[in-house]
């Protein structure tokens, strides 16, 4: 009868931690990956698409789109090209307003008023409610109606004392 022995060497290799997969950043997603994912989510939301619809257009599952949008998975060059094509934006769109010195969810450039800095710094730009408001705003074809809507919103904010009147 053959004798089976277990050496400490085989135990050590079986319980050793698996090596990290290449390309995965240690300590969470990189700021650029989060930024590109946020831009992907913003564009998808502005045009009113679900994660499922975007996933179908590029041959993915909606879970993979979720991971891309969170920055948990990096987007390859060919996949970024696919996204830019179906979302009708240039590839550079995903990198616009990225600033290495800022948090991933903020913009270096934004509204003309410096009063908006707080809005940008809080990351509210990527909130679902904000993106829905932008999508609905741009769905209004009449430019005069859009300007009137802005005035109504400014008046509402002034009534609450949260918005300063433009100079």
N, C-alpha and C. Protein backbone atom coordinates (compact mmCIF):
# COMPACT_ATOMS: atom_id res chain seq x y z
N UNK A 1 0.85 -1.17 0.00
CA UNK A 1 0.00 0.00 0.00
C UNK A 1 0.90 1.24 0.00
N UNK A 2 0.68 2.18 -0.97
CA UNK A 2 1.54 3.35 -1.03
C UNK A 2 1.27 4.28 0.14
N UNK A 3 2.31 4.87 0.61
CA UNK A 3 2.21 5.75 1.77
C UNK A 3 2.18 7.21 1.30
N UNK A 4 1.18 7.98 1.79
CA UNK A 4 1.06 9.38 1.44
C UNK A 4 1.51 10.22 2.62
N UNK A 5 2.41 11.14 2.34
CA UNK A 5 2.86 12.02 3.41
C UNK A 5 2.64 13.47 2.99
N UNK A 6 2.37 14.27 3.97
CA UNK A 6 2.19 15.70 3.72
C UNK A 6 3.36 16.42 4.36
N UNK A 7 4.04 17.17 3.56
CA UNK A 7 5.17 17.91 4.10
C UNK A 7 4.73 19.33 4.42
N UNK A 8 5.51 20.01 5.23
CA UNK A 8 5.18 21.39 5.58
C UNK A 8 5.25 22.29 4.34
N UNK A 9 6.05 21.88 3.37
CA UNK A 9 6.17 22.68 2.14
C UNK A 9 4.85 22.69 1.37
N UNK A 10 4.18 21.54 1.25
CA UNK A 10 2.91 21.51 0.52
C UNK A 10 1.83 22.25 1.28
N UNK A 11 1.86 22.20 2.59
CA UNK A 11 0.88 22.95 3.37
C UNK A 11 1.08 24.45 3.18
N UNK A 12 2.30 24.86 3.16
CA UNK A 12 2.60 26.28 3.02
C UNK A 12 2.12 26.82 1.67
N UNK A 13 2.31 26.03 0.63
CA UNK A 13 1.88 26.51 -0.67
C UNK A 13 0.37 26.48 -0.81
N UNK A 14 -0.30 25.56 -0.15
CA UNK A 14 -1.74 25.49 -0.28
C UNK A 14 -2.45 26.58 0.52
N UNK A 15 -1.82 27.08 1.56
CA UNK A 15 -2.45 28.12 2.37
C UNK A 15 -1.91 29.50 2.07
N UNK A 16 -0.95 29.60 1.18
CA UNK A 16 -0.37 30.91 0.85
C UNK A 16 -1.39 31.76 0.10
N UNK A 17 -1.29 33.05 0.31
CA UNK A 17 -2.21 33.97 -0.37
C UNK A 17 -1.95 33.96 -1.87
N UNK A 18 -3.03 34.05 -2.62
CA UNK A 18 -2.90 34.08 -4.07
C UNK A 18 -2.31 35.42 -4.49
N UNK A 19 -1.48 35.41 -5.52
CA UNK A 19 -0.92 36.68 -5.97
C UNK A 19 -2.00 37.54 -6.62
N UNK A 20 -1.81 38.86 -6.56
CA UNK A 20 -2.77 39.79 -7.17
C UNK A 20 -2.75 39.64 -8.67
N UNK A 21 -3.91 39.82 -9.28
CA UNK A 21 -3.97 39.78 -10.73
C UNK A 21 -3.32 41.05 -11.28
N UNK A 22 -2.60 40.94 -12.38
CA UNK A 22 -1.97 42.13 -12.92
C UNK A 22 -2.99 43.17 -13.36
N UNK A 23 -2.63 44.43 -13.18
CA UNK A 23 -3.51 45.51 -13.60
C UNK A 23 -4.48 45.98 -12.54
N UNK A 24 -4.59 45.26 -11.45
CA UNK A 24 -5.50 45.69 -10.39
C UNK A 24 -4.72 46.53 -9.39
N UNK A 25 -5.16 47.75 -9.16
CA UNK A 25 -4.44 48.62 -8.23
C UNK A 25 -4.63 48.17 -6.79
N UNK A 26 -3.57 48.24 -6.03
CA UNK A 26 -3.64 47.91 -4.62
C UNK A 26 -4.28 49.07 -3.88
N UNK A 27 -5.22 48.79 -3.00
CA UNK A 27 -5.83 49.84 -2.21
C UNK A 27 -7.02 50.51 -2.88
N UNK A 28 -7.66 49.87 -3.82
CA UNK A 28 -8.85 50.43 -4.43
C UNK A 28 -8.60 51.01 -5.80
N UNK A 29 -9.67 51.52 -6.41
CA UNK A 29 -9.54 52.03 -7.78
C UNK A 29 -8.72 53.31 -7.83
N UNK A 30 -8.09 53.54 -8.96
CA UNK A 30 -7.31 54.75 -9.20
C UNK A 30 -8.27 55.91 -9.49
N UNK A 31 -7.83 57.11 -9.18
CA UNK A 31 -8.67 58.30 -9.37
C UNK A 31 -9.11 58.45 -10.83
N UNK A 32 -8.23 58.16 -11.76
CA UNK A 32 -8.57 58.28 -13.18
C UNK A 32 -9.66 57.28 -13.56
N UNK A 33 -9.58 56.05 -13.04
CA UNK A 33 -10.60 55.04 -13.34
C UNK A 33 -11.96 55.47 -12.81
N UNK A 34 -11.98 56.07 -11.61
CA UNK A 34 -13.23 56.55 -11.03
C UNK A 34 -13.77 57.71 -11.86
N UNK A 35 -12.89 58.61 -12.28
CA UNK A 35 -13.32 59.76 -13.09
C UNK A 35 -13.93 59.29 -14.41
N UNK A 36 -13.25 58.39 -15.11
CA UNK A 36 -13.76 57.88 -16.39
C UNK A 36 -15.10 57.18 -16.16
N UNK A 37 -15.22 56.41 -15.10
CA UNK A 37 -16.48 55.75 -14.78
C UNK A 37 -17.59 56.74 -14.49
N UNK A 38 -17.26 57.81 -13.77
CA UNK A 38 -18.26 58.86 -13.49
C UNK A 38 -18.72 59.53 -14.77
N UNK A 39 -17.78 59.79 -15.67
CA UNK A 39 -18.14 60.41 -16.95
C UNK A 39 -19.02 59.46 -17.78
N UNK A 40 -18.72 58.17 -17.73
CA UNK A 40 -19.54 57.18 -18.42
C UNK A 40 -20.96 57.21 -17.87
N UNK A 41 -21.09 57.19 -16.54
CA UNK A 41 -22.42 57.22 -15.91
C UNK A 41 -23.15 58.51 -16.22
N UNK A 42 -22.41 59.64 -16.19
CA UNK A 42 -23.04 60.92 -16.45
C UNK A 42 -23.61 60.96 -17.87
N UNK A 43 -22.83 60.54 -18.85
CA UNK A 43 -23.31 60.57 -20.24
C UNK A 43 -24.49 59.63 -20.44
N UNK A 44 -24.40 58.43 -19.87
CA UNK A 44 -25.48 57.46 -19.98
C UNK A 44 -26.77 58.02 -19.38
N UNK A 45 -26.65 58.67 -18.23
CA UNK A 45 -27.82 59.23 -17.56
C UNK A 45 -28.40 60.41 -18.31
N UNK A 46 -27.54 61.26 -18.85
CA UNK A 46 -28.01 62.44 -19.57
C UNK A 46 -28.84 62.05 -20.79
N UNK A 47 -28.43 60.99 -21.48
CA UNK A 47 -29.22 60.59 -22.65
C UNK A 47 -30.37 59.66 -22.29
N UNK A 48 -30.50 59.37 -20.99
CA UNK A 48 -31.66 58.62 -20.51
C UNK A 48 -31.59 57.12 -20.69
N UNK A 49 -30.38 56.57 -20.79
CA UNK A 49 -30.22 55.13 -20.96
C UNK A 49 -30.03 54.45 -19.62
N UNK A 50 -30.53 53.24 -19.51
CA UNK A 50 -30.28 52.40 -18.34
C UNK A 50 -28.93 51.70 -18.53
N UNK A 51 -28.44 51.14 -17.45
CA UNK A 51 -27.21 50.34 -17.55
C UNK A 51 -27.43 49.14 -18.47
N UNK A 52 -28.62 48.59 -18.42
CA UNK A 52 -28.94 47.44 -19.27
C UNK A 52 -28.86 47.80 -20.75
N UNK A 53 -29.42 48.96 -21.10
CA UNK A 53 -29.41 49.37 -22.51
C UNK A 53 -27.99 49.60 -23.00
N UNK A 54 -27.18 50.29 -22.20
CA UNK A 54 -25.79 50.51 -22.58
C UNK A 54 -25.05 49.19 -22.70
N UNK A 55 -25.27 48.30 -21.76
CA UNK A 55 -24.62 46.99 -21.78
C UNK A 55 -24.98 46.22 -23.05
N UNK A 56 -26.25 46.24 -23.43
CA UNK A 56 -26.68 45.55 -24.65
C UNK A 56 -26.00 46.12 -25.89
N UNK A 57 -25.84 47.43 -25.92
CA UNK A 57 -25.24 48.08 -27.10
C UNK A 57 -23.78 47.71 -27.31
N UNK A 58 -23.09 47.37 -26.23
CA UNK A 58 -21.66 47.03 -26.36
C UNK A 58 -21.35 45.57 -26.04
N UNK A 59 -22.41 44.77 -25.84
CA UNK A 59 -22.22 43.34 -25.61
C UNK A 59 -21.70 42.97 -24.24
N UNK A 60 -22.19 43.65 -23.20
CA UNK A 60 -21.79 43.37 -21.82
C UNK A 60 -23.01 43.06 -20.97
N UNK A 61 -22.76 42.72 -19.72
CA UNK A 61 -23.84 42.61 -18.74
C UNK A 61 -23.95 43.95 -18.02
N UNK A 62 -25.11 44.22 -17.44
CA UNK A 62 -25.25 45.49 -16.73
C UNK A 62 -24.35 45.52 -15.50
N UNK A 63 -24.01 44.34 -14.95
CA UNK A 63 -23.11 44.31 -13.80
C UNK A 63 -21.72 44.82 -14.18
N UNK A 64 -21.27 44.49 -15.40
CA UNK A 64 -19.97 44.96 -15.85
C UNK A 64 -20.00 46.48 -16.03
N UNK A 65 -21.10 47.00 -16.56
CA UNK A 65 -21.24 48.46 -16.69
C UNK A 65 -21.19 49.10 -15.31
N UNK A 66 -21.84 48.50 -14.32
CA UNK A 66 -21.80 49.01 -12.95
C UNK A 66 -20.37 49.10 -12.45
N UNK A 67 -19.61 48.06 -12.68
CA UNK A 67 -18.21 48.04 -12.23
C UNK A 67 -17.39 49.11 -12.92
N UNK A 68 -17.62 49.30 -14.21
CA UNK A 68 -16.93 50.36 -14.94
C UNK A 68 -17.30 51.73 -14.37
N UNK A 69 -18.57 51.94 -14.11
CA UNK A 69 -19.03 53.24 -13.63
C UNK A 69 -18.49 53.56 -12.24
N UNK A 70 -18.30 52.56 -11.42
CA UNK A 70 -17.73 52.77 -10.08
C UNK A 70 -16.21 52.91 -10.12
N UNK A 71 -15.60 52.52 -11.23
CA UNK A 71 -14.16 52.53 -11.31
C UNK A 71 -13.54 51.28 -10.75
N UNK A 72 -14.37 50.30 -10.39
CA UNK A 72 -13.86 49.06 -9.83
C UNK A 72 -13.09 48.25 -10.87
N UNK A 73 -13.51 48.33 -12.12
CA UNK A 73 -12.80 47.70 -13.24
C UNK A 73 -12.34 48.77 -14.20
N UNK A 74 -11.14 48.60 -14.70
CA UNK A 74 -10.61 49.54 -15.68
C UNK A 74 -11.23 49.26 -17.05
N UNK A 75 -11.42 50.34 -17.81
CA UNK A 75 -11.99 50.22 -19.14
C UNK A 75 -10.86 50.18 -20.15
N UNK A 76 -10.83 49.13 -20.95
CA UNK A 76 -9.78 49.01 -21.97
C UNK A 76 -9.98 50.04 -23.07
N UNK A 77 -8.96 50.27 -23.86
CA UNK A 77 -9.04 51.24 -24.96
C UNK A 77 -10.13 50.86 -25.95
N UNK A 78 -10.21 49.58 -26.30
CA UNK A 78 -11.23 49.17 -27.27
C UNK A 78 -12.64 49.32 -26.70
N UNK A 79 -12.80 49.05 -25.42
CA UNK A 79 -14.12 49.20 -24.79
C UNK A 79 -14.48 50.68 -24.67
N UNK A 80 -13.50 51.52 -24.37
CA UNK A 80 -13.75 52.96 -24.30
C UNK A 80 -14.18 53.49 -25.67
N UNK A 81 -13.56 52.95 -26.71
CA UNK A 81 -13.95 53.32 -28.08
C UNK A 81 -15.40 52.92 -28.33
N UNK A 82 -15.78 51.71 -27.91
CA UNK A 82 -17.17 51.25 -28.08
C UNK A 82 -18.14 52.18 -27.35
N UNK A 83 -17.80 52.53 -26.10
CA UNK A 83 -18.67 53.43 -25.34
C UNK A 83 -18.79 54.79 -26.02
N UNK A 84 -17.67 55.33 -26.50
CA UNK A 84 -17.72 56.65 -27.14
C UNK A 84 -18.59 56.62 -28.39
N UNK A 85 -18.52 55.52 -29.11
CA UNK A 85 -19.30 55.38 -30.35
C UNK A 85 -20.80 55.31 -30.05
N UNK A 86 -21.20 54.47 -29.11
CA UNK A 86 -22.64 54.31 -28.84
C UNK A 86 -23.22 55.49 -28.06
N UNK A 87 -22.39 56.19 -27.27
CA UNK A 87 -22.87 57.34 -26.51
C UNK A 87 -22.70 58.65 -27.28
N UNK A 88 -22.13 58.54 -28.48
CA UNK A 88 -21.97 59.68 -29.39
C UNK A 88 -21.15 60.82 -28.78
N UNK A 89 -20.01 60.46 -28.21
CA UNK A 89 -19.06 61.44 -27.68
C UNK A 89 -17.66 61.04 -28.13
N UNK A 90 -16.74 62.02 -28.22
CA UNK A 90 -15.36 61.64 -28.53
C UNK A 90 -14.72 60.93 -27.33
N UNK A 91 -13.71 60.15 -27.56
CA UNK A 91 -13.03 59.45 -26.47
C UNK A 91 -12.52 60.45 -25.43
N UNK A 92 -12.09 61.61 -25.88
CA UNK A 92 -11.57 62.62 -24.96
C UNK A 92 -12.61 63.07 -23.93
N UNK A 93 -13.89 62.88 -24.24
CA UNK A 93 -14.97 63.26 -23.31
C UNK A 93 -14.76 62.61 -21.94
N UNK A 94 -14.31 61.37 -21.92
CA UNK A 94 -14.17 60.63 -20.66
C UNK A 94 -13.05 61.18 -19.79
N UNK A 95 -12.15 61.94 -20.37
CA UNK A 95 -11.01 62.48 -19.63
C UNK A 95 -11.14 63.98 -19.35
N UNK A 96 -12.16 64.61 -19.92
CA UNK A 96 -12.34 66.05 -19.74
C UNK A 96 -12.52 66.37 -18.26
N UNK A 97 -11.98 67.52 -17.88
CA UNK A 97 -12.13 68.08 -16.54
C UNK A 97 -11.47 67.25 -15.45
N UNK A 98 -10.58 66.37 -15.83
CA UNK A 98 -9.85 65.59 -14.82
C UNK A 98 -8.67 66.42 -14.33
N UNK A 99 -8.50 66.44 -13.05
CA UNK A 99 -7.39 67.15 -12.43
C UNK A 99 -6.82 66.24 -11.35
N UNK A 100 -5.57 65.87 -11.48
CA UNK A 100 -4.95 64.92 -10.55
C UNK A 100 -4.95 65.42 -9.11
N UNK A 101 -4.97 66.72 -8.91
CA UNK A 101 -4.88 67.28 -7.56
C UNK A 101 -6.21 67.32 -6.84
N UNK A 102 -7.30 67.04 -7.55
CA UNK A 102 -8.61 67.08 -6.94
C UNK A 102 -9.15 65.67 -6.74
N UNK A 103 -10.19 65.60 -5.91
CA UNK A 103 -10.87 64.33 -5.71
C UNK A 103 -11.51 63.90 -7.02
N UNK A 104 -11.67 62.59 -7.26
CA UNK A 104 -12.21 62.13 -8.53
C UNK A 104 -13.58 62.69 -8.90
N UNK A 105 -14.42 62.99 -7.94
CA UNK A 105 -15.79 63.40 -8.26
C UNK A 105 -15.93 64.91 -8.42
N UNK A 106 -14.82 65.63 -8.58
CA UNK A 106 -14.93 67.07 -8.74
C UNK A 106 -14.35 67.50 -10.07
N UNK A 107 -14.69 68.71 -10.48
CA UNK A 107 -14.20 69.25 -11.74
C UNK A 107 -13.23 70.39 -11.47
N UNK A 108 -12.28 70.53 -12.34
CA UNK A 108 -11.37 71.67 -12.27
C UNK A 108 -12.06 72.90 -12.83
N UNK A 109 -12.83 72.73 -13.87
CA UNK A 109 -13.53 73.83 -14.51
C UNK A 109 -15.02 73.57 -14.39
N UNK A 110 -15.78 74.59 -14.23
CA UNK A 110 -17.21 74.38 -14.12
C UNK A 110 -17.96 75.63 -14.49
N UNK A 111 -18.86 76.01 -13.65
CA UNK A 111 -19.68 77.18 -13.91
C UNK A 111 -18.84 78.44 -13.77
N UNK A 112 -19.28 79.50 -14.42
CA UNK A 112 -18.54 80.76 -14.39
C UNK A 112 -18.50 81.37 -13.00
N UNK A 113 -19.57 81.22 -12.25
CA UNK A 113 -19.61 81.80 -10.91
C UNK A 113 -18.77 80.98 -9.95
N UNK A 114 -17.99 81.66 -9.15
CA UNK A 114 -17.21 80.95 -8.14
C UNK A 114 -18.11 80.45 -7.02
N UNK A 115 -19.34 80.97 -6.93
CA UNK A 115 -20.29 80.50 -5.93
C UNK A 115 -20.62 79.02 -6.13
N UNK A 116 -20.32 78.49 -7.30
CA UNK A 116 -20.64 77.11 -7.60
C UNK A 116 -19.57 76.14 -7.12
N UNK A 117 -18.45 76.67 -6.59
CA UNK A 117 -17.36 75.79 -6.18
C UNK A 117 -17.82 74.75 -5.15
N UNK A 118 -18.67 75.17 -4.21
CA UNK A 118 -19.15 74.24 -3.20
C UNK A 118 -19.93 73.09 -3.84
N UNK A 119 -20.75 73.43 -4.82
CA UNK A 119 -21.53 72.41 -5.54
C UNK A 119 -20.59 71.39 -6.18
N UNK A 120 -19.56 71.87 -6.83
CA UNK A 120 -18.64 70.98 -7.52
C UNK A 120 -17.84 70.15 -6.55
N UNK A 121 -17.43 70.73 -5.44
CA UNK A 121 -16.59 70.01 -4.48
C UNK A 121 -17.34 68.91 -3.74
N UNK A 122 -18.66 69.01 -3.65
CA UNK A 122 -19.42 67.99 -2.91
C UNK A 122 -19.69 66.75 -3.74
N UNK A 123 -19.42 66.79 -5.02
CA UNK A 123 -19.69 65.64 -5.86
C UNK A 123 -21.15 65.54 -6.28
N UNK A 124 -21.94 66.58 -6.02
CA UNK A 124 -23.36 66.55 -6.38
C UNK A 124 -23.56 66.49 -7.89
N UNK A 125 -22.52 66.84 -8.63
CA UNK A 125 -22.60 66.80 -10.10
C UNK A 125 -22.98 65.41 -10.59
N UNK A 126 -22.59 64.39 -9.86
CA UNK A 126 -22.83 63.01 -10.29
C UNK A 126 -24.07 62.39 -9.64
N UNK A 127 -24.80 63.16 -8.83
CA UNK A 127 -26.02 62.63 -8.22
C UNK A 127 -27.05 62.31 -9.29
N UNK A 128 -27.83 61.28 -9.05
CA UNK A 128 -28.87 60.88 -10.00
C UNK A 128 -29.85 62.02 -10.25
N UNK A 129 -30.21 62.73 -9.19
CA UNK A 129 -31.16 63.83 -9.31
C UNK A 129 -30.62 64.94 -10.21
N UNK A 130 -29.35 65.28 -10.06
CA UNK A 130 -28.72 66.32 -10.88
C UNK A 130 -28.70 65.91 -12.34
N UNK A 131 -28.31 64.69 -12.61
CA UNK A 131 -28.24 64.21 -13.98
C UNK A 131 -29.63 64.15 -14.62
N UNK A 132 -30.63 63.78 -13.84
CA UNK A 132 -32.01 63.76 -14.36
C UNK A 132 -32.47 65.17 -14.70
N UNK A 133 -32.15 66.13 -13.85
CA UNK A 133 -32.52 67.51 -14.11
C UNK A 133 -31.87 68.01 -15.40
N UNK A 134 -30.61 67.71 -15.60
CA UNK A 134 -29.91 68.13 -16.82
C UNK A 134 -30.53 67.47 -18.05
N UNK A 135 -30.82 66.18 -17.94
CA UNK A 135 -31.41 65.47 -19.07
C UNK A 135 -32.76 66.07 -19.45
N UNK A 136 -33.59 66.35 -18.46
CA UNK A 136 -34.90 66.93 -18.73
C UNK A 136 -34.75 68.34 -19.28
N UNK A 137 -33.85 69.12 -18.72
CA UNK A 137 -33.62 70.49 -19.19
C UNK A 137 -33.28 70.50 -20.68
N UNK A 138 -32.36 69.65 -21.10
CA UNK A 138 -31.96 69.64 -22.50
C UNK A 138 -32.97 68.95 -23.41
N UNK A 139 -33.96 68.29 -22.84
CA UNK A 139 -35.02 67.72 -23.67
C UNK A 139 -36.01 68.79 -24.11
N UNK A 140 -35.97 69.97 -23.45
CA UNK A 140 -36.83 71.09 -23.84
C UNK A 140 -36.19 71.74 -25.06
N UNK A 141 -36.89 71.71 -26.18
CA UNK A 141 -36.34 72.19 -27.44
C UNK A 141 -36.28 73.72 -27.53
N UNK A 142 -37.25 74.39 -26.94
CA UNK A 142 -37.35 75.84 -27.03
C UNK A 142 -36.37 76.51 -26.07
N UNK A 143 -35.40 77.26 -26.62
CA UNK A 143 -34.37 77.90 -25.80
C UNK A 143 -34.97 78.94 -24.85
N UNK A 144 -36.00 79.64 -25.29
CA UNK A 144 -36.65 80.64 -24.43
C UNK A 144 -37.29 79.97 -23.21
N UNK A 145 -37.93 78.83 -23.42
CA UNK A 145 -38.51 78.09 -22.30
C UNK A 145 -37.43 77.63 -21.32
N UNK A 146 -36.28 77.19 -21.86
CA UNK A 146 -35.18 76.76 -20.98
C UNK A 146 -34.68 77.94 -20.13
N UNK A 147 -34.53 79.12 -20.76
CA UNK A 147 -34.09 80.30 -20.00
C UNK A 147 -35.10 80.66 -18.92
N UNK A 148 -36.38 80.57 -19.25
CA UNK A 148 -37.43 80.86 -18.26
C UNK A 148 -37.38 79.86 -17.11
N UNK A 149 -37.10 78.62 -17.41
CA UNK A 149 -36.98 77.60 -16.37
C UNK A 149 -35.83 77.94 -15.42
N UNK A 150 -34.73 78.37 -15.97
CA UNK A 150 -33.58 78.77 -15.13
C UNK A 150 -33.98 79.91 -14.21
N UNK A 151 -34.72 80.89 -14.74
CA UNK A 151 -35.17 82.03 -13.92
C UNK A 151 -36.08 81.56 -12.79
N UNK A 152 -36.98 80.64 -13.09
CA UNK A 152 -37.90 80.12 -12.06
C UNK A 152 -37.09 79.44 -10.95
N UNK A 153 -36.12 78.63 -11.33
CA UNK A 153 -35.31 77.93 -10.33
C UNK A 153 -34.48 78.92 -9.52
N UNK A 154 -33.92 79.94 -10.18
CA UNK A 154 -33.17 80.97 -9.45
C UNK A 154 -34.06 81.68 -8.45
N UNK A 155 -35.28 82.01 -8.84
CA UNK A 155 -36.23 82.67 -7.93
C UNK A 155 -36.56 81.78 -6.74
N UNK A 156 -36.75 80.51 -6.97
CA UNK A 156 -37.03 79.58 -5.88
C UNK A 156 -35.86 79.52 -4.90
N UNK A 157 -34.65 79.49 -5.43
CA UNK A 157 -33.46 79.44 -4.58
C UNK A 157 -33.31 80.73 -3.78
N UNK A 158 -33.58 81.87 -4.42
CA UNK A 158 -33.50 83.16 -3.73
C UNK A 158 -34.52 83.24 -2.61
N UNK A 159 -35.71 82.68 -2.83
CA UNK A 159 -36.75 82.69 -1.80
C UNK A 159 -36.30 81.92 -0.56
N UNK A 160 -35.50 80.91 -0.77
CA UNK A 160 -34.97 80.13 0.35
C UNK A 160 -33.68 80.74 0.90
N UNK A 161 -33.17 81.74 0.21
CA UNK A 161 -31.95 82.40 0.67
C UNK A 161 -30.69 81.59 0.40
N UNK A 162 -30.76 80.68 -0.56
CA UNK A 162 -29.59 79.82 -0.84
C UNK A 162 -28.82 80.23 -2.07
N UNK A 163 -29.35 81.13 -2.87
CA UNK A 163 -28.70 81.50 -4.14
C UNK A 163 -28.49 83.00 -4.16
N UNK A 164 -27.29 83.40 -4.57
CA UNK A 164 -27.00 84.82 -4.72
C UNK A 164 -27.38 85.24 -6.12
N UNK A 165 -27.91 86.43 -6.25
CA UNK A 165 -28.32 86.97 -7.55
C UNK A 165 -27.07 87.22 -8.39
N UNK A 166 -27.07 86.83 -9.67
CA UNK A 166 -25.91 87.10 -10.54
C UNK A 166 -25.68 88.59 -10.66
N UNK A 167 -24.39 88.95 -10.77
CA UNK A 167 -24.02 90.36 -10.85
C UNK A 167 -24.20 90.91 -12.23
